[in-house]
Amino acid sequence: MARKKDPEYEIGGNVFADLGLDDADELLTRAHLGHAVRLIQKGRKLKQREIAGLLGIDQAEVSRLMNGQYHLFAEGQLFAFLKALEQKVTIHVSRHHKGERYQEVTLAN
């Protein structure tokens, strides 16, 4: 029996751009920032009501955040969440080069 070929995939791309969305860079930025909030919540083992209190939002919004609906939150709101969780956010501005993303988020350990 012939071995089934593993599917091809790419790591590190922008799925939103692949879908042809106009605001792909912004959506990817929101996804990275929202995911950082989710990782903190998980790492600290916070219940939804606890993180709701820290972030100053209701539990329904926390549920949307924890379910990956990051597009529902503005970048500024996600930055505020990270600040409320005592995280440092650094913004680096540099010249854009052809072929690279306009926005990029890097999470530090």
PDB file of N, CA and C in Angstrom:
ATOM      1  N   MET A   1       0.830  -1.165   0.000  1.00  0.00           N
ATOM      2  CA  MET A   1       0.000   0.000   0.000  1.00  0.00           C
ATOM      3  C   MET A   1       0.883   1.240   0.000  1.00  0.00           C
ATOM      4  N   ALA A   2       0.597   2.183  -0.880  1.00  0.00           N
ATOM      5  CA  ALA A   2       1.387   3.398  -0.993  1.00  0.00           C
ATOM      6  C   ALA A   2       1.132   4.308   0.199  1.00  0.00           C
ATOM      7  N   ARG A   3       2.213   4.932   0.650  1.00  0.00           N
ATOM      8  CA  ARG A   3       2.101   5.856   1.768  1.00  0.00           C
ATOM      9  C   ARG A   3       1.427   7.140   1.309  1.00  0.00           C
ATOM     10  N   LYS A   4       0.510   7.624   2.127  1.00  0.00           N
ATOM     11  CA  LYS A   4      -0.207   8.854   1.821  1.00  0.00           C
ATOM     12  C   LYS A   4       0.741  10.037   2.005  1.00  0.00           C
ATOM     13  N   LYS A   5       0.771  10.932   1.028  1.00  0.00           N
ATOM     14  CA  LYS A   5       1.645  12.099   1.082  1.00  0.00           C
ATOM     15  C   LYS A   5       1.114  13.106   2.106  1.00  0.00           C
ATOM     16  N   ASP A   6       2.024  13.630   2.937  1.00  0.00           N
ATOM     17  CA  ASP A   6       1.637  14.653   3.907  1.00  0.00           C
ATOM     18  C   ASP A   6       1.193  15.908   3.170  1.00  0.00           C
ATOM     19  N   PRO A   7       0.156  16.584   3.699  1.00  0.00           N
ATOM     20  CA  PRO A   7      -0.299  17.806   3.041  1.00  0.00           C
ATOM     21  C   PRO A   7       0.760  18.901   3.153  1.00  0.00           C
ATOM     22  N   GLU A   8       0.811  19.762   2.147  1.00  0.00           N
ATOM     23  CA  GLU A   8       1.746  20.875   2.181  1.00  0.00           C
ATOM     24  C   GLU A   8       1.127  22.014   2.972  1.00  0.00           C
ATOM     25  N   TYR A   9       1.946  22.717   3.725  1.00  0.00           N
ATOM     26  CA  TYR A   9       1.468  23.863   4.480  1.00  0.00           C
ATOM     27  C   TYR A   9       2.616  24.830   4.683  1.00  0.00           C
ATOM     28  N   GLU A  10       2.251  26.038   5.066  1.00  0.00           N
ATOM     29  CA  GLU A  10       3.226  27.081   5.302  1.00  0.00           C
ATOM     30  C   GLU A  10       3.012  27.648   6.700  1.00  0.00           C
ATOM     31  N   ILE A  11       4.092  27.830   7.431  1.00  0.00           N
ATOM     32  CA  ILE A  11       4.019  28.411   8.766  1.00  0.00           C
ATOM     33  C   ILE A  11       4.441  29.869   8.675  1.00  0.00           C
ATOM     34  N   GLY A  12       3.688  30.731   9.348  1.00  0.00           N
ATOM     35  CA  GLY A  12       4.101  32.127   9.434  1.00  0.00           C
ATOM     36  C   GLY A  12       3.475  33.045   8.418  1.00  0.00           C
ATOM     37  N   GLY A  13       2.560  32.554   7.607  1.00  0.00           N
ATOM     38  CA  GLY A  13       1.892  33.403   6.639  1.00  0.00           C
ATOM     39  C   GLY A  13       0.744  34.159   7.280  1.00  0.00           C
ATOM     40  N   ASN A  14       0.002  34.877   6.471  1.00  0.00           N
ATOM     41  CA  ASN A  14      -1.163  35.605   6.953  1.00  0.00           C
ATOM     42  C   ASN A  14      -2.391  35.008   6.294  1.00  0.00           C
ATOM     43  N   VAL A  15      -3.123  34.223   7.058  1.00  0.00           N
ATOM     44  CA  VAL A  15      -4.306  33.555   6.531  1.00  0.00           C
ATOM     45  C   VAL A  15      -5.336  34.573   6.043  1.00  0.00           C
ATOM     46  N   PHE A  16      -5.380  35.741   6.675  1.00  0.00           N
ATOM     47  CA  PHE A  16      -6.337  36.772   6.271  1.00  0.00           C
ATOM     48  C   PHE A  16      -5.997  37.317   4.888  1.00  0.00           C
ATOM     49  N   ALA A  17      -4.711  37.464   4.605  1.00  0.00           N
ATOM     50  CA  ALA A  17      -4.277  37.884   3.264  1.00  0.00           C
ATOM     51  C   ALA A  17      -4.566  36.775   2.259  1.00  0.00           C
ATOM     52  N   ASP A  18      -4.342  35.536   2.669  1.00  0.00           N
ATOM     53  CA  ASP A  18      -4.624  34.403   1.787  1.00  0.00           C
ATOM     54  C   ASP A  18      -6.097  34.353   1.402  1.00  0.00           C
ATOM     55  N   LEU A  19      -6.953  34.836   2.304  1.00  0.00           N
ATOM     56  CA  LEU A  19      -8.390  34.884   2.027  1.00  0.00           C
ATOM     57  C   LEU A  19      -8.779  36.114   1.215  1.00  0.00           C
ATOM     58  N   GLY A  20      -7.803  36.994   0.961  1.00  0.00           N
ATOM     59  CA  GLY A  20      -8.057  38.176   0.150  1.00  0.00           C
ATOM     60  C   GLY A  20      -8.759  39.308   0.886  1.00  0.00           C
ATOM     61  N   LEU A  21      -8.658  39.331   2.205  1.00  0.00           N
ATOM     62  CA  LEU A  21      -9.318  40.377   2.983  1.00  0.00           C
ATOM     63  C   LEU A  21      -8.524  41.681   2.916  1.00  0.00           C
ATOM     64  N   ASP A  22      -9.218  42.790   2.733  1.00  0.00           N
ATOM     65  CA  ASP A  22      -8.564  44.094   2.598  1.00  0.00           C
ATOM     66  C   ASP A  22      -7.793  44.496   3.847  1.00  0.00           C
ATOM     67  N   ASP A  23      -8.311  44.180   5.009  1.00  0.00           N
ATOM     68  CA  ASP A  23      -7.685  44.580   6.270  1.00  0.00           C
ATOM     69  C   ASP A  23      -6.902  43.427   6.904  1.00  0.00           C
ATOM     70  N   ALA A  24      -6.229  42.657   6.081  1.00  0.00           N
ATOM     71  CA  ALA A  24      -5.537  41.450   6.529  1.00  0.00           C
ATOM     72  C   ALA A  24      -4.471  41.748   7.581  1.00  0.00           C
ATOM     73  N   ASP A  25      -3.685  42.801   7.382  1.00  0.00           N
ATOM     74  CA  ASP A  25      -2.634  43.117   8.350  1.00  0.00           C
ATOM     75  C   ASP A  25      -3.230  43.464   9.711  1.00  0.00           C
ATOM     76  N   GLU A  26      -4.300  44.251   9.715  1.00  0.00           N
ATOM     77  CA  GLU A  26      -4.940  44.632  10.963  1.00  0.00           C
ATOM     78  C   GLU A  26      -5.550  43.411  11.666  1.00  0.00           C
ATOM     79  N   LEU A  27      -6.161  42.550  10.897  1.00  0.00           N
ATOM     80  CA  LEU A  27      -6.751  41.339  11.481  1.00  0.00           C
ATOM     81  C   LEU A  27      -5.681  40.430  12.086  1.00  0.00           C
ATOM     82  N   LEU A  28      -4.548  40.320  11.416  1.00  0.00           N
ATOM     83  CA  LEU A  28      -3.464  39.503  11.941  1.00  0.00           C
ATOM     84  C   LEU A  28      -2.898  40.119  13.220  1.00  0.00           C
ATOM     85  N   THR A  29      -2.771  41.442  13.245  1.00  0.00           N
ATOM     86  CA  THR A  29      -2.300  42.126  14.446  1.00  0.00           C
ATOM     87  C   THR A  29      -3.250  41.871  15.606  1.00  0.00           C
ATOM     88  N   ARG A  30      -4.549  42.004  15.367  1.00  0.00           N
ATOM     89  CA  ARG A  30      -5.533  41.754  16.413  1.00  0.00           C
ATOM     90  C   ARG A  30      -5.458  40.299  16.889  1.00  0.00           C
ATOM     91  N   ALA A  31      -5.254  39.388  15.966  1.00  0.00           N
ATOM     92  CA  ALA A  31      -5.154  37.972  16.331  1.00  0.00           C
ATOM     93  C   ALA A  31      -3.952  37.733  17.242  1.00  0.00           C
ATOM     94  N   HIS A  32      -2.820  38.332  16.913  1.00  0.00           N
ATOM     95  CA  HIS A  32      -1.623  38.166  17.749  1.00  0.00           C
ATOM     96  C   HIS A  32      -1.828  38.766  19.138  1.00  0.00           C
ATOM     97  N   LEU A  33      -2.387  39.977  19.197  1.00  0.00           N
ATOM     98  CA  LEU A  33      -2.605  40.642  20.479  1.00  0.00           C
ATOM     99  C   LEU A  33      -3.637  39.890  21.321  1.00  0.00           C
ATOM    100  N   GLY A  34      -4.724  39.487  20.693  1.00  0.00           N
ATOM    101  CA  GLY A  34      -5.753  38.732  21.406  1.00  0.00           C
ATOM    102  C   GLY A  34      -5.236  37.399  21.908  1.00  0.00           C
ATOM    103  N   HIS A  35      -4.426  36.767  21.085  1.00  0.00           N
ATOM    104  CA  HIS A  35      -3.839  35.478  21.487  1.00  0.00           C
ATOM    105  C   HIS A  35      -2.916  35.663  22.692  1.00  0.00           C
ATOM    106  N   ALA A  36      -2.196  36.782  22.730  1.00  0.00           N
ATOM    107  CA  ALA A  36      -1.330  37.066  23.882  1.00  0.00           C
ATOM    108  C   ALA A  36      -2.163  37.176  25.152  1.00  0.00           C
ATOM    109  N   VAL A  37      -3.308  37.848  25.075  1.00  0.00           N
ATOM    110  CA  VAL A  37      -4.213  37.947  26.229  1.00  0.00           C
ATOM    111  C   VAL A  37      -4.668  36.557  26.642  1.00  0.00           C
ATOM    112  N   ARG A  38      -5.037  35.752  25.671  1.00  0.00           N
ATOM    113  CA  ARG A  38      -5.509  34.378  25.942  1.00  0.00           C
ATOM    114  C   ARG A  38      -4.421  33.543  26.609  1.00  0.00           C
ATOM    115  N   LEU A  39      -3.181  33.671  26.145  1.00  0.00           N
ATOM    116  CA  LEU A  39      -2.077  32.922  26.745  1.00  0.00           C
ATOM    117  C   LEU A  39      -1.852  33.325  28.198  1.00  0.00           C
ATOM    118  N   ILE A  40      -1.981  34.624  28.482  1.00  0.00           N
ATOM    119  CA  ILE A  40      -1.820  35.099  29.859  1.00  0.00           C
ATOM    120  C   ILE A  40      -2.927  34.535  30.737  1.00  0.00           C
ATOM    121  N   GLN A  41      -4.156  34.590  30.241  1.00  0.00           N
ATOM    122  CA  GLN A  41      -5.291  34.052  30.991  1.00  0.00           C
ATOM    123  C   GLN A  41      -5.074  32.576  31.305  1.00  0.00           C
ATOM    124  N   LYS A  42      -4.640  31.843  30.309  1.00  0.00           N
ATOM    125  CA  LYS A  42      -4.416  30.404  30.482  1.00  0.00           C
ATOM    126  C   LYS A  42      -3.249  30.146  31.435  1.00  0.00           C
ATOM    127  N   GLY A  43      -2.155  30.894  31.255  1.00  0.00           N
ATOM    128  CA  GLY A  43      -0.979  30.709  32.097  1.00  0.00           C
ATOM    129  C   GLY A  43      -1.233  31.030  33.558  1.00  0.00           C
ATOM    130  N   ARG A  44      -2.061  32.032  33.800  1.00  0.00           N
ATOM    131  CA  ARG A  44      -2.385  32.409  35.180  1.00  0.00           C
ATOM    132  C   ARG A  44      -3.576  31.627  35.736  1.00  0.00           C
ATOM    133  N   LYS A  45      -4.160  30.798  34.889  1.00  0.00           N
ATOM    134  CA  LYS A  45      -5.313  29.975  35.276  1.00  0.00           C
ATOM    135  C   LYS A  45      -6.450  30.831  35.837  1.00  0.00           C
ATOM    136  N   LEU A  46      -6.715  31.951  35.138  1.00  0.00           N
ATOM    137  CA  LEU A  46      -7.787  32.859  35.542  1.00  0.00           C
ATOM    138  C   LEU A  46      -9.120  32.379  35.001  1.00  0.00           C
ATOM    139  N   LYS A  47     -10.134  32.439  35.826  1.00  0.00           N
ATOM    140  CA  LYS A  47     -11.489  32.139  35.374  1.00  0.00           C
ATOM    141  C   LYS A  47     -12.011  33.341  34.587  1.00  0.00           C
ATOM    142  N   GLN A  48     -13.022  33.126  33.770  1.00  0.00           N
ATOM    143  CA  GLN A  48     -13.542  34.206  32.936  1.00  0.00           C
ATOM    144  C   GLN A  48     -14.005  35.397  33.770  1.00  0.00           C
ATOM    145  N   ARG A  49     -14.632  35.159  34.897  1.00  0.00           N
ATOM    146  CA  ARG A  49     -15.093  36.286  35.718  1.00  0.00           C
ATOM    147  C   ARG A  49     -13.912  37.057  36.295  1.00  0.00           C
ATOM    148  N   GLU A  50     -12.810  36.354  36.582  1.00  0.00           N
ATOM    149  CA  GLU A  50     -11.618  37.022  37.111  1.00  0.00           C
ATOM    150  C   GLU A  50     -10.977  37.922  36.049  1.00  0.00           C
ATOM    151  N   ILE A  51     -10.826  37.399  34.843  1.00  0.00           N
ATOM    152  CA  ILE A  51     -10.193  38.205  33.797  1.00  0.00           C
ATOM    153  C   ILE A  51     -11.119  39.328  33.352  1.00  0.00           C
ATOM    154  N   ALA A  52     -12.430  39.111  33.434  1.00  0.00           N
ATOM    155  CA  ALA A  52     -13.385  40.172  33.114  1.00  0.00           C
ATOM    156  C   ALA A  52     -13.166  41.356  34.050  1.00  0.00           C
ATOM    157  N   GLY A  53     -12.980  41.079  35.322  1.00  0.00           N
ATOM    158  CA  GLY A  53     -12.724  42.136  36.296  1.00  0.00           C
ATOM    159  C   GLY A  53     -11.424  42.863  36.031  1.00  0.00           C
ATOM    160  N   LEU A  54     -10.382  42.123  35.676  1.00  0.00           N
ATOM    161  CA  LEU A  54      -9.091  42.739  35.384  1.00  0.00           C
ATOM    162  C   LEU A  54      -9.141  43.614  34.134  1.00  0.00           C
ATOM    163  N   LEU A  55      -9.886  43.159  33.131  1.00  0.00           N
ATOM    164  CA  LEU A  55      -9.927  43.868  31.854  1.00  0.00           C
ATOM    165  C   LEU A  55     -11.018  44.936  31.813  1.00  0.00           C
ATOM    166  N   GLY A  56     -11.933  44.902  32.768  1.00  0.00           N
ATOM    167  CA  GLY A  56     -13.010  45.880  32.796  1.00  0.00           C
ATOM    168  C   GLY A  56     -14.062  45.658  31.720  1.00  0.00           C
ATOM    169  N   ILE A  57     -14.296  44.386  31.386  1.00  0.00           N
ATOM    170  CA  ILE A  57     -15.318  44.042  30.395  1.00  0.00           C
ATOM    171  C   ILE A  57     -16.239  42.996  31.000  1.00  0.00           C
ATOM    172  N   ASP A  58     -17.382  42.773  30.344  1.00  0.00           N
ATOM    173  CA  ASP A  58     -18.306  41.778  30.881  1.00  0.00           C
ATOM    174  C   ASP A  58     -17.901  40.371  30.428  1.00  0.00           C
ATOM    175  N   GLN A  59     -18.508  39.385  31.050  1.00  0.00           N
ATOM    176  CA  GLN A  59     -18.132  37.995  30.786  1.00  0.00           C
ATOM    177  C   GLN A  59     -18.441  37.571  29.353  1.00  0.00           C
ATOM    178  N   ALA A  60     -19.461  38.159  28.742  1.00  0.00           N
ATOM    179  CA  ALA A  60     -19.776  37.829  27.348  1.00  0.00           C
ATOM    180  C   ALA A  60     -18.631  38.260  26.425  1.00  0.00           C
ATOM    181  N   GLU A  61     -18.051  39.441  26.702  1.00  0.00           N
ATOM    182  CA  GLU A  61     -16.913  39.894  25.898  1.00  0.00           C
ATOM    183  C   GLU A  61     -15.690  39.011  26.139  1.00  0.00           C
ATOM    184  N   VAL A  62     -15.492  38.599  27.378  1.00  0.00           N
ATOM    185  CA  VAL A  62     -14.388  37.689  27.684  1.00  0.00           C
ATOM    186  C   VAL A  62     -14.564  36.394  26.904  1.00  0.00           C
ATOM    187  N   SER A  63     -15.776  35.889  26.858  1.00  0.00           N
ATOM    188  CA  SER A  63     -16.057  34.661  26.128  1.00  0.00           C
ATOM    189  C   SER A  63     -15.687  34.823  24.654  1.00  0.00           C
ATOM    190  N   ARG A  64     -16.045  35.947  24.058  1.00  0.00           N
ATOM    191  CA  ARG A  64     -15.697  36.191  22.650  1.00  0.00           C
ATOM    192  C   ARG A  64     -14.176  36.248  22.482  1.00  0.00           C
ATOM    193  N   LEU A  65     -13.504  36.899  23.414  1.00  0.00           N
ATOM    194  CA  LEU A  65     -12.049  36.996  23.360  1.00  0.00           C
ATOM    195  C   LEU A  65     -11.402  35.623  23.490  1.00  0.00           C
ATOM    196  N   MET A  66     -11.862  34.835  24.444  1.00  0.00           N
ATOM    197  CA  MET A  66     -11.280  33.515  24.683  1.00  0.00           C
ATOM    198  C   MET A  66     -11.613  32.531  23.561  1.00  0.00           C
ATOM    199  N   ASN A  67     -12.660  32.818  22.794  1.00  0.00           N
ATOM    200  CA  ASN A  67     -13.026  31.969  21.659  1.00  0.00           C
ATOM    201  C   ASN A  67     -12.394  32.439  20.349  1.00  0.00           C
ATOM    202  N   GLY A  68     -11.456  33.378  20.448  1.00  0.00           N
ATOM    203  CA  GLY A  68     -10.693  33.778  19.270  1.00  0.00           C
ATOM    204  C   GLY A  68     -11.393  34.762  18.357  1.00  0.00           C
ATOM    205  N   GLN A  69     -12.413  35.441  18.831  1.00  0.00           N
ATOM    206  CA  GLN A  69     -13.113  36.430  18.002  1.00  0.00           C
ATOM    207  C   GLN A  69     -12.430  37.798  18.150  1.00  0.00           C
ATOM    208  N   TYR A  70     -11.150  37.810  17.864  1.00  0.00           N
ATOM    209  CA  TYR A  70     -10.313  38.990  18.063  1.00  0.00           C
ATOM    210  C   TYR A  70     -10.709  40.153  17.158  1.00  0.00           C
ATOM    211  N   HIS A  71     -11.315  39.853  16.030  1.00  0.00           N
ATOM    212  CA  HIS A  71     -11.723  40.903  15.100  1.00  0.00           C
ATOM    213  C   HIS A  71     -12.770  41.833  15.711  1.00  0.00           C
ATOM    214  N   LEU A  72     -13.401  41.420  16.796  1.00  0.00           N
ATOM    215  CA  LEU A  72     -14.423  42.240  17.456  1.00  0.00           C
ATOM    216  C   LEU A  72     -13.817  43.303  18.364  1.00  0.00           C
ATOM    217  N   PHE A  73     -12.505  43.270  18.546  1.00  0.00           N
ATOM    218  CA  PHE A  73     -11.817  44.196  19.442  1.00  0.00           C
ATOM    219  C   PHE A  73     -10.832  45.045  18.646  1.00  0.00           C
ATOM    220  N   ALA A  74     -10.826  46.346  18.913  1.00  0.00           N
ATOM    221  CA  ALA A  74      -9.884  47.253  18.260  1.00  0.00           C
ATOM    222  C   ALA A  74      -8.484  47.030  18.832  1.00  0.00           C
ATOM    223  N   GLU A  75      -7.471  47.377  18.038  1.00  0.00           N
ATOM    224  CA  GLU A  75      -6.093  47.206  18.504  1.00  0.00           C
ATOM    225  C   GLU A  75      -5.876  47.953  19.820  1.00  0.00           C
ATOM    226  N   GLY A  76      -6.394  49.185  19.905  1.00  0.00           N
ATOM    227  CA  GLY A  76      -6.234  49.974  21.126  1.00  0.00           C
ATOM    228  C   GLY A  76      -6.835  49.296  22.341  1.00  0.00           C
ATOM    229  N   GLN A  77      -7.962  48.651  22.161  1.00  0.00           N
ATOM    230  CA  GLN A  77      -8.604  47.933  23.254  1.00  0.00           C
ATOM    231  C   GLN A  77      -7.747  46.735  23.673  1.00  0.00           C
ATOM    232  N   LEU A  78      -7.176  46.042  22.710  1.00  0.00           N
ATOM    233  CA  LEU A  78      -6.315  44.902  23.020  1.00  0.00           C
ATOM    234  C   LEU A  78      -5.039  45.355  23.720  1.00  0.00           C
ATOM    235  N   PHE A  79      -4.494  46.514  23.308  1.00  0.00           N
ATOM    236  CA  PHE A  79      -3.334  47.084  24.005  1.00  0.00           C
ATOM    237  C   PHE A  79      -3.705  47.389  25.460  1.00  0.00           C
ATOM    238  N   ALA A  80      -4.898  47.945  25.672  1.00  0.00           N
ATOM    239  CA  ALA A  80      -5.359  48.263  27.026  1.00  0.00           C
ATOM    240  C   ALA A  80      -5.509  46.995  27.862  1.00  0.00           C
ATOM    241  N   PHE A  81      -5.982  45.913  27.254  1.00  0.00           N
ATOM    242  CA  PHE A  81      -6.094  44.642  27.975  1.00  0.00           C
ATOM    243  C   PHE A  81      -4.711  44.180  28.443  1.00  0.00           C
ATOM    244  N   LEU A  82      -3.734  44.272  27.549  1.00  0.00           N
ATOM    245  CA  LEU A  82      -2.381  43.843  27.898  1.00  0.00           C
ATOM    246  C   LEU A  82      -1.811  44.708  29.017  1.00  0.00           C
ATOM    247  N   LYS A  83      -2.083  46.002  28.970  1.00  0.00           N
ATOM    248  CA  LYS A  83      -1.638  46.897  30.038  1.00  0.00           C
ATOM    249  C   LYS A  83      -2.282  46.497  31.359  1.00  0.00           C
ATOM    250  N   ALA A  84      -3.584  46.210  31.335  1.00  0.00           N
ATOM    251  CA  ALA A  84      -4.301  45.795  32.543  1.00  0.00           C
ATOM    252  C   ALA A  84      -3.726  44.501  33.114  1.00  0.00           C
ATOM    253  N   LEU A  85      -3.130  43.697  32.247  1.00  0.00           N
ATOM    254  CA  LEU A  85      -2.504  42.437  32.666  1.00  0.00           C
ATOM    255  C   LEU A  85      -1.019  42.614  32.965  1.00  0.00           C
ATOM    256  N   GLU A  86      -0.602  43.889  33.104  1.00  0.00           N
ATOM    257  CA  GLU A  86       0.772  44.255  33.461  1.00  0.00           C
ATOM    258  C   GLU A  86       1.801  43.778  32.442  1.00  0.00           C
ATOM    259  N   GLN A  87       1.452  43.948  31.175  1.00  0.00           N
ATOM    260  CA  GLN A  87       2.358  43.574  30.094  1.00  0.00           C
ATOM    261  C   GLN A  87       2.914  44.832  29.438  1.00  0.00           C
ATOM    262  N   LYS A  88       4.159  44.788  29.066  1.00  0.00           N
ATOM    263  CA  LYS A  88       4.795  45.881  28.341  1.00  0.00           C
ATOM    264  C   LYS A  88       4.564  45.659  26.851  1.00  0.00           C
ATOM    265  N   VAL A  89       4.115  46.694  26.172  1.00  0.00           N
ATOM    266  CA  VAL A  89       3.917  46.631  24.731  1.00  0.00           C
ATOM    267  C   VAL A  89       4.884  47.629  24.103  1.00  0.00           C
ATOM    268  N   THR A  90       5.712  47.164  23.195  1.00  0.00           N
ATOM    269  CA  THR A  90       6.685  48.006  22.516  1.00  0.00           C
ATOM    270  C   THR A  90       6.316  48.081  21.049  1.00  0.00           C
ATOM    271  N   ILE A  91       6.270  49.299  20.525  1.00  0.00           N
ATOM    272  CA  ILE A  91       5.974  49.496  19.111  1.00  0.00           C
ATOM    273  C   ILE A  91       7.243  49.983  18.430  1.00  0.00           C
ATOM    274  N   HIS A  92       7.632  49.310  17.386  1.00  0.00           N
ATOM    275  CA  HIS A  92       8.842  49.637  16.634  1.00  0.00           C
ATOM    276  C   HIS A  92       8.418  50.065  15.232  1.00  0.00           C
ATOM    277  N   VAL A  93       8.802  51.258  14.821  1.00  0.00           N
ATOM    278  CA  VAL A  93       8.465  51.765  13.496  1.00  0.00           C
ATOM    279  C   VAL A  93       9.717  51.719  12.636  1.00  0.00           C
ATOM    280  N   SER A  94       9.590  51.123  11.447  1.00  0.00           N
ATOM    281  CA  SER A  94      10.729  51.054  10.530  1.00  0.00           C
ATOM    282  C   SER A  94      10.227  51.166   9.093  1.00  0.00           C
ATOM    283  N   ARG A  95      11.152  51.359   8.198  1.00  0.00           N
ATOM    284  CA  ARG A  95      10.830  51.489   6.786  1.00  0.00           C
ATOM    285  C   ARG A  95      10.285  50.165   6.256  1.00  0.00           C
ATOM    286  N   HIS A  96       9.248  50.253   5.437  1.00  0.00           N
ATOM    287  CA  HIS A  96       8.662  49.064   4.822  1.00  0.00           C
ATOM    288  C   HIS A  96       9.469  48.664   3.596  1.00  0.00           C
ATOM    289  N   HIS A  97       9.713  47.382   3.470  1.00  0.00           N
ATOM    290  CA  HIS A  97      10.410  46.836   2.303  1.00  0.00           C
ATOM    291  C   HIS A  97       9.432  45.982   1.507  1.00  0.00           C
ATOM    292  N   LYS A  98       9.587  46.013   0.215  1.00  0.00           N
ATOM    293  CA  LYS A  98       8.690  45.286  -0.677  1.00  0.00           C
ATOM    294  C   LYS A  98       8.606  43.810  -0.278  1.00  0.00           C
ATOM    295  N   GLY A  99       7.382  43.314  -0.221  1.00  0.00           N
ATOM    296  CA  GLY A  99       7.151  41.900   0.068  1.00  0.00           C
ATOM    297  C   GLY A  99       6.948  41.580   1.538  1.00  0.00           C
ATOM    298  N   GLU A 100       7.220  42.529   2.418  1.00  0.00           N
ATOM    299  CA  GLU A 100       7.012  42.227   3.836  1.00  0.00           C
ATOM    300  C   GLU A 100       5.704  42.831   4.327  1.00  0.00           C
ATOM    301  N   ARG A 101       5.229  42.339   5.447  1.00  0.00           N
ATOM    302  CA  ARG A 101       3.985  42.846   6.024  1.00  0.00           C
ATOM    303  C   ARG A 101       4.167  44.284   6.488  1.00  0.00           C
ATOM    304  N   TYR A 102       3.061  45.001   6.500  1.00  0.00           N
ATOM    305  CA  TYR A 102       3.098  46.359   7.027  1.00  0.00           C
ATOM    306  C   TYR A 102       3.022  46.377   8.549  1.00  0.00           C
ATOM    307  N   GLN A 103       2.415  45.385   9.124  1.00  0.00           N
ATOM    308  CA  GLN A 103       2.306  45.289  10.570  1.00  0.00           C
ATOM    309  C   GLN A 103       2.805  43.918  11.000  1.00  0.00           C
ATOM    310  N   GLU A 104       3.505  43.917  12.107  1.00  0.00           N
ATOM    311  CA  GLU A 104       4.059  42.658  12.601  1.00  0.00           C
ATOM    312  C   GLU A 104       4.056  42.689  14.129  1.00  0.00           C
ATOM    313  N   VAL A 105       3.641  41.609  14.733  1.00  0.00           N
ATOM    314  CA  VAL A 105       3.631  41.502  16.195  1.00  0.00           C
ATOM    315  C   VAL A 105       4.552  40.360  16.567  1.00  0.00           C
ATOM    316  N   THR A 106       5.420  40.628  17.532  1.00  0.00           N
ATOM    317  CA  THR A 106       6.329  39.604  18.052  1.00  0.00           C
ATOM    318  C   THR A 106       6.074  39.473  19.539  1.00  0.00           C
ATOM    319  N   LEU A 107       5.830  38.270  20.003  1.00  0.00           N
ATOM    320  CA  LEU A 107       5.600  38.036  21.426  1.00  0.00           C
ATOM    321  C   LEU A 107       6.893  37.557  22.067  1.00  0.00           C
ATOM    322  N   ALA A 108       7.288  38.235  23.143  1.00  0.00           N
ATOM    323  CA  ALA A 108       8.499  37.860  23.870  1.00  0.00           C
ATOM    324  C   ALA A 108       8.141  36.819  24.925  1.00  0.00           C
ATOM    325  N   ASN A 109       9.094  36.034  25.300  1.00  0.00           N
ATOM    326  CA  ASN A 109       8.874  35.027  26.350  1.00  0.00           C
ATOM    327  C   ASN A 109       8.975  35.649  27.707  1.00  0.00           C
TER     328      ASN A 109
END
